[in-house]
Amino acid sequence: MGWLVPLGFGIFLFWLGELAGEFTTMYFASWFVLVGLLWLHMGWEKLKVIWFPVVFIMAMFPPPNFFTST
């Protein structure tokens, strides 16, 4: 049931970002939802093994303009 924490928090962040129209919050929510879903389907032991490829795949998505604009 530990997978429920990141998944629920990610869904809450997505809902909050959608209401506020804020893409940064929705960007971080996608990380939490992905970790929660992987934890749900694969378990904690396999998630610990594949953490680097997961971070690498999520880092391929460009961050919101809030981070890159000056």
Protein backbone atom coordinates (compact mmCIF):
# COMPACT_ATOMS: atom_id res chain seq x y z
CA MET A 1 0.00 0.00 0.00
CA GLY A 2 3.04 2.27 -0.03
CA TRP A 3 2.44 2.96 -3.73
CA LEU A 4 -0.72 4.83 -2.81
CA VAL A 5 1.22 7.76 -1.31
CA PRO A 6 3.10 8.92 -4.47
CA LEU A 7 0.16 8.06 -6.73
CA GLY A 8 -2.36 9.94 -4.59
CA PHE A 9 -0.02 12.89 -4.12
CA GLY A 10 0.62 13.01 -7.89
CA ILE A 11 -3.08 12.99 -8.67
CA PHE A 12 -3.65 15.74 -6.10
CA LEU A 13 -0.83 17.85 -7.59
CA PHE A 14 -2.21 17.34 -11.09
CA TRP A 15 -5.67 18.41 -9.94
CA LEU A 16 -4.23 21.44 -8.17
CA GLY A 17 -2.15 22.43 -11.21
CA GLU A 18 -5.14 22.00 -13.50
CA LEU A 19 -7.27 24.27 -11.33
CA ALA A 20 -4.56 26.92 -11.09
CA GLY A 21 -3.51 26.64 -14.74
CA GLU A 22 0.05 26.03 -13.62
CA PHE A 23 2.13 23.72 -15.78
CA THR A 24 5.00 23.44 -13.30
CA THR A 25 2.82 21.66 -10.76
CA MET A 26 1.48 19.35 -13.44
CA TYR A 27 5.05 18.60 -14.55
CA PHE A 28 6.02 17.46 -11.05
CA ALA A 29 2.76 15.54 -10.73
CA SER A 30 3.73 13.38 -13.71
CA TRP A 31 6.85 12.24 -11.84
CA PHE A 32 4.86 11.18 -8.79
CA VAL A 33 2.18 9.43 -10.84
CA LEU A 34 4.79 7.51 -12.83
CA VAL A 35 6.60 6.35 -9.70
CA GLY A 36 3.32 5.35 -8.06
CA LEU A 37 2.16 3.36 -11.08
CA LEU A 38 5.50 1.61 -11.49
CA TRP A 39 5.54 0.77 -7.79
CA LEU A 40 2.00 -0.60 -8.08
CA HIS A 41 2.71 -2.81 -11.08
CA MET A 42 6.30 -3.90 -10.47
CA GLY A 43 6.85 -3.72 -6.74
CA TRP A 44 9.45 -1.95 -4.63
CA GLU A 45 12.33 -4.35 -5.35
CA LYS A 46 12.16 -3.91 -9.14
CA LEU A 47 11.61 -0.18 -8.81
CA LYS A 48 14.87 0.10 -6.88
CA VAL A 49 16.63 -1.72 -9.74
CA ILE A 50 15.26 0.45 -12.56
CA TRP A 51 15.33 3.86 -10.86
CA PHE A 52 18.07 5.22 -13.13
CA PRO A 53 16.31 4.46 -16.46
CA VAL A 54 13.06 5.89 -15.08
CA VAL A 55 14.76 9.16 -14.08
CA PHE A 56 16.52 9.26 -17.44
CA ILE A 57 13.26 8.80 -19.36
CA MET A 58 11.46 11.47 -17.33
CA ALA A 59 14.38 13.88 -17.77
CA MET A 60 13.90 13.65 -21.55
CA PHE A 61 10.69 15.66 -21.25
CA PRO A 62 11.46 19.37 -21.39
CA PRO A 63 10.80 21.30 -18.20
CA PRO A 64 8.21 24.08 -18.23
CA ASN A 65 9.24 27.50 -19.54
CA PHE A 66 9.27 28.74 -15.96
CA PHE A 67 12.62 27.02 -15.43
CA THR A 68 14.25 27.86 -18.75
CA SER A 69 13.22 31.48 -19.26
CA THR A 70 15.26 34.28 -17.73
